[in-house]
Amino acid sequence: MVRRRSKKNKSGTHGHGSSKKNRGAGNRGGRGDAGSGKKGQSKNMKKEGINELGEHGFNSRKDPQTGINLRDIDQRIQEFVEEGVAEESGEGYVFHADEAGYDKVLGGGKLTRDIEIRAENFSDSAEQKIEEAGAEATVLED
């Protein structure tokens, strides 16, 4: 049920304070889309789903580094052999991370096979897990 208020309790300003503050089109920068400039273009682009004006996101100052987890090496070793970035040795495999396009070997997951991994960098956890699995980690020199 709607309750009626007396005229004394109503504000005639609709949240704009003094009645002088909300007069005319100058309060909103002109009538309609007037004076929108580039902002007007962006409104049209947003309607069409294009978002090209301005810059987006941020740029990292660090060099991009590509890493691969032990889990991925272990699961995809056959793919790597077929691609030619790994080879089968007598007892296990030899994986060349640099040839596969990876800079660093990370410690996610476990090694279940005997794989010698050759890479530029290893995380501490990766080196520890490789030793625990009885495999070998070889650091490549530039």
C-alpha atoms as a PDB file:
ATOM      1  CA  MET A   1       0.000   0.000   0.000  1.00  0.00           C
ATOM      2  CA  VAL A   2       1.368   3.432  -0.953  1.00  0.00           C
ATOM      3  CA  ARG A   3       1.677   5.934   1.863  1.00  0.00           C
ATOM      4  CA  ARG A   4       1.109   9.565   1.008  1.00  0.00           C
ATOM      5  CA  ARG A   5       3.386  12.246   2.391  1.00  0.00           C
ATOM      6  CA  SER A   6       2.392  15.775   3.171  1.00  0.00           C
ATOM      7  CA  LYS A   7       3.715  18.557   0.933  1.00  0.00           C
ATOM      8  CA  LYS A   8       5.957  19.724   3.757  1.00  0.00           C
ATOM      9  CA  ASN A   9       7.928  16.442   3.716  1.00  0.00           C
ATOM     10  CA  LYS A  10       8.548  16.427  -0.041  1.00  0.00           C
ATOM     11  CA  SER A  11      11.680  17.804  -1.610  1.00  0.00           C
ATOM     12  CA  GLY A  12      11.094  19.678  -4.848  1.00  0.00           C
ATOM     13  CA  THR A  13      14.727  19.417  -5.974  1.00  0.00           C
ATOM     14  CA  HIS A  14      14.908  15.696  -6.913  1.00  0.00           C
ATOM     15  CA  GLY A  15      18.326  15.354  -5.274  1.00  0.00           C
ATOM     16  CA  HIS A  16      19.937  18.395  -6.947  1.00  0.00           C
ATOM     17  CA  GLY A  17      20.009  20.704  -3.936  1.00  0.00           C
ATOM     18  CA  SER A  18      19.204  24.257  -4.861  1.00  0.00           C
ATOM     19  CA  SER A  19      16.796  24.649  -7.771  1.00  0.00           C
ATOM     20  CA  LYS A  20      19.345  26.914  -9.508  1.00  0.00           C
ATOM     21  CA  LYS A  21      21.826  24.034  -9.881  1.00  0.00           C
ATOM     22  CA  ASN A  22      19.802  21.916 -12.269  1.00  0.00           C
ATOM     23  CA  ARG A  23      18.661  24.401 -14.894  1.00  0.00           C
ATOM     24  CA  GLY A  24      18.952  24.048 -18.656  1.00  0.00           C
ATOM     25  CA  ALA A  25      21.062  21.911 -20.940  1.00  0.00           C
ATOM     26  CA  GLY A  26      24.347  23.483 -19.772  1.00  0.00           C
ATOM     27  CA  ASN A  27      24.154  21.353 -16.671  1.00  0.00           C
ATOM     28  CA  ARG A  28      24.594  18.197 -18.762  1.00  0.00           C
ATOM     29  CA  GLY A  29      26.989  19.510 -21.433  1.00  0.00           C
ATOM     30  CA  GLY A  30      24.380  20.319 -24.081  1.00  0.00           C
ATOM     31  CA  ARG A  31      21.235  18.680 -25.352  1.00  0.00           C
ATOM     32  CA  GLY A  32      21.335  15.043 -26.475  1.00  0.00           C
ATOM     33  CA  ASP A  33      24.739  13.886 -27.781  1.00  0.00           C
ATOM     34  CA  ALA A  34      26.040  17.428 -28.313  1.00  0.00           C
ATOM     35  CA  GLY A  35      29.668  18.000 -27.367  1.00  0.00           C
ATOM     36  CA  SER A  36      30.473  14.335 -26.927  1.00  0.00           C
ATOM     37  CA  GLY A  37      33.320  14.327 -29.488  1.00  0.00           C
ATOM     38  CA  LYS A  38      35.276  11.060 -29.302  1.00  0.00           C
ATOM     39  CA  LYS A  39      33.035   9.905 -26.496  1.00  0.00           C
ATOM     40  CA  GLY A  40      30.135   9.861 -28.970  1.00  0.00           C
ATOM     41  CA  GLN A  41      32.128   7.578 -31.290  1.00  0.00           C
ATOM     42  CA  SER A  42      32.834   5.211 -28.437  1.00  0.00           C
ATOM     43  CA  LYS A  43      29.122   4.992 -27.633  1.00  0.00           C
ATOM     44  CA  ASN A  44      28.406   3.856 -31.187  1.00  0.00           C
ATOM     45  CA  MET A  45      31.300   1.400 -31.105  1.00  0.00           C
ATOM     46  CA  LYS A  46      30.072  -0.131 -27.877  1.00  0.00           C
ATOM     47  CA  LYS A  47      26.673  -0.691 -29.453  1.00  0.00           C
ATOM     48  CA  GLU A  48      28.370  -2.568 -32.298  1.00  0.00           C
ATOM     49  CA  GLY A  49      30.590  -4.541 -29.920  1.00  0.00           C
ATOM     50  CA  ILE A  50      33.869  -2.921 -31.025  1.00  0.00           C
ATOM     51  CA  ASN A  51      36.212  -1.630 -28.336  1.00  0.00           C
ATOM     52  CA  GLU A  52      39.128   0.095 -30.084  1.00  0.00           C
ATOM     53  CA  LEU A  53      39.430   3.615 -28.661  1.00  0.00           C
ATOM     54  CA  GLY A  54      42.042   4.185 -25.987  1.00  0.00           C
ATOM     55  CA  GLU A  55      44.576   1.840 -24.473  1.00  0.00           C
ATOM     56  CA  HIS A  56      43.648  -1.320 -22.637  1.00  0.00           C
ATOM     57  CA  GLY A  57      45.348  -3.240 -19.861  1.00  0.00           C
ATOM     58  CA  PHE A  58      48.963  -2.731 -18.875  1.00  0.00           C
ATOM     59  CA  ASN A  59      52.367  -3.758 -20.143  1.00  0.00           C
ATOM     60  CA  SER A  60      54.615  -5.836 -17.950  1.00  0.00           C
ATOM     61  CA  ARG A  61      58.200  -4.684 -17.683  1.00  0.00           C
ATOM     62  CA  LYS A  62      59.461  -8.225 -17.262  1.00  0.00           C
ATOM     63  CA  ASP A  63      60.607 -10.321 -20.182  1.00  0.00           C
ATOM     64  CA  PRO A  64      58.000 -12.949 -20.985  1.00  0.00           C
ATOM     65  CA  GLN A  65      59.095 -16.358 -19.761  1.00  0.00           C
ATOM     66  CA  THR A  66      57.577 -19.607 -20.899  1.00  0.00           C
ATOM     67  CA  GLY A  67      57.511 -22.459 -18.427  1.00  0.00           C
ATOM     68  CA  ILE A  68      56.293 -26.043 -18.462  1.00  0.00           C
ATOM     69  CA  ASN A  69      55.262 -28.167 -15.505  1.00  0.00           C
ATOM     70  CA  LEU A  70      56.679 -31.624 -14.797  1.00  0.00           C
ATOM     71  CA  ARG A  71      53.122 -33.010 -15.088  1.00  0.00           C
ATOM     72  CA  ASP A  72      52.880 -31.764 -18.701  1.00  0.00           C
ATOM     73  CA  ILE A  73      56.270 -33.178 -19.642  1.00  0.00           C
ATOM     74  CA  ASP A  74      55.329 -36.557 -18.132  1.00  0.00           C
ATOM     75  CA  GLN A  75      51.914 -36.731 -19.822  1.00  0.00           C
ATOM     76  CA  ARG A  76      53.002 -35.417 -23.239  1.00  0.00           C
ATOM     77  CA  ILE A  77      56.391 -37.119 -23.616  1.00  0.00           C
ATOM     78  CA  GLN A  78      55.174 -39.225 -26.571  1.00  0.00           C
ATOM     79  CA  GLU A  79      53.950 -36.069 -28.362  1.00  0.00           C
ATOM     80  CA  PHE A  80      57.336 -34.465 -27.761  1.00  0.00           C
ATOM     81  CA  VAL A  81      59.095 -37.516 -29.201  1.00  0.00           C
ATOM     82  CA  GLU A  82      56.917 -37.335 -32.332  1.00  0.00           C
ATOM     83  CA  GLU A  83      57.648 -33.591 -32.670  1.00  0.00           C
ATOM     84  CA  GLY A  84      61.379 -34.249 -32.396  1.00  0.00           C
ATOM     85  CA  VAL A  85      62.030 -32.251 -29.196  1.00  0.00           C
ATOM     86  CA  ALA A  86      62.496 -35.391 -27.107  1.00  0.00           C
ATOM     87  CA  GLU A  87      64.080 -38.750 -27.800  1.00  0.00           C
ATOM     88  CA  GLU A  88      63.921 -42.216 -26.340  1.00  0.00           C
ATOM     89  CA  SER A  89      67.121 -43.426 -24.750  1.00  0.00           C
ATOM     90  CA  GLY A  90      67.852 -46.908 -23.455  1.00  0.00           C
ATOM     91  CA  GLU A  91      65.917 -46.755 -20.195  1.00  0.00           C
ATOM     92  CA  GLY A  92      63.903 -43.553 -20.527  1.00  0.00           C
ATOM     93  CA  TYR A  93      63.584 -40.293 -22.399  1.00  0.00           C
ATOM     94  CA  VAL A  94      65.604 -37.113 -22.973  1.00  0.00           C
ATOM     95  CA  PHE A  95      63.510 -33.924 -23.198  1.00  0.00           C
ATOM     96  CA  HIS A  96      64.980 -30.704 -24.660  1.00  0.00           C
ATOM     97  CA  ALA A  97      62.910 -27.860 -23.196  1.00  0.00           C
ATOM     98  CA  ASP A  98      64.647 -25.129 -25.218  1.00  0.00           C
ATOM     99  CA  GLU A  99      63.885 -26.879 -28.516  1.00  0.00           C
ATOM    100  CA  ALA A 100      60.246 -27.220 -27.445  1.00  0.00           C
ATOM    101  CA  GLY A 101      60.138 -23.439 -26.797  1.00  0.00           C
ATOM    102  CA  TYR A 102      60.238 -23.454 -22.989  1.00  0.00           C
ATOM    103  CA  ASP A 103      62.662 -21.405 -20.886  1.00  0.00           C
ATOM    104  CA  LYS A 104      61.944 -22.892 -17.483  1.00  0.00           C
ATOM    105  CA  VAL A 105      60.796 -26.179 -15.978  1.00  0.00           C
ATOM    106  CA  LEU A 106      58.302 -25.706 -13.150  1.00  0.00           C
ATOM    107  CA  GLY A 107      57.480 -28.068 -10.300  1.00  0.00           C
ATOM    108  CA  GLY A 108      53.768 -28.711 -10.883  1.00  0.00           C
ATOM    109  CA  GLY A 109      52.842 -32.399 -10.768  1.00  0.00           C
ATOM    110  CA  LYS A 110      55.073 -35.479 -10.557  1.00  0.00           C
ATOM    111  CA  LEU A 111      57.348 -37.457 -12.836  1.00  0.00           C
ATOM    112  CA  THR A 112      56.330 -41.090 -13.197  1.00  0.00           C
ATOM    113  CA  ARG A 113      58.880 -42.008 -15.877  1.00  0.00           C
ATOM    114  CA  ASP A 114      62.642 -41.783 -16.147  1.00  0.00           C
ATOM    115  CA  ILE A 115      63.133 -38.548 -18.090  1.00  0.00           C
ATOM    116  CA  GLU A 116      66.334 -36.545 -18.399  1.00  0.00           C
ATOM    117  CA  ILE A 117      65.270 -32.917 -18.753  1.00  0.00           C
ATOM    118  CA  ARG A 118      67.543 -30.332 -20.354  1.00  0.00           C
ATOM    119  CA  ALA A 119      66.536 -26.693 -19.844  1.00  0.00           C
ATOM    120  CA  GLU A 120      67.928 -23.207 -19.183  1.00  0.00           C
ATOM    121  CA  ASN A 121      66.245 -22.851 -15.766  1.00  0.00           C
ATOM    122  CA  PHE A 122      64.577 -25.060 -13.187  1.00  0.00           C
ATOM    123  CA  SER A 123      62.456 -23.991 -10.247  1.00  0.00           C
ATOM    124  CA  ASP A 124      63.653 -25.263  -6.869  1.00  0.00           C
ATOM    125  CA  SER A 125      60.615 -27.515  -6.499  1.00  0.00           C
ATOM    126  CA  ALA A 126      61.156 -28.952  -9.991  1.00  0.00           C
ATOM    127  CA  GLU A 127      64.776 -29.876  -9.233  1.00  0.00           C
ATOM    128  CA  GLN A 128      63.732 -31.501  -5.978  1.00  0.00           C
ATOM    129  CA  LYS A 129      60.948 -33.556  -7.599  1.00  0.00           C
ATOM    130  CA  ILE A 130      63.208 -34.644 -10.477  1.00  0.00           C
ATOM    131  CA  GLU A 131      65.805 -35.936  -8.000  1.00  0.00           C
ATOM    132  CA  GLU A 132      63.091 -37.715  -5.976  1.00  0.00           C
ATOM    133  CA  ALA A 133      61.873 -39.443  -9.140  1.00  0.00           C
ATOM    134  CA  GLY A 134      65.401 -40.658  -9.907  1.00  0.00           C
ATOM    135  CA  ALA A 135      65.569 -38.608 -13.123  1.00  0.00           C
ATOM    136  CA  GLU A 136      68.178 -36.059 -14.133  1.00  0.00           C
ATOM    137  CA  ALA A 137      68.000 -32.268 -14.560  1.00  0.00           C
ATOM    138  CA  THR A 138      70.653 -30.741 -16.833  1.00  0.00           C
ATOM    139  CA  VAL A 139      71.078 -26.957 -16.924  1.00  0.00           C
ATOM    140  CA  LEU A 140      71.996 -25.633 -20.354  1.00  0.00           C
ATOM    141  CA  GLU A 141      74.611 -22.902 -20.649  1.00  0.00           C
ATOM    142  CA  ASP A 142      73.966 -19.991 -23.032  1.00  0.00           C
END
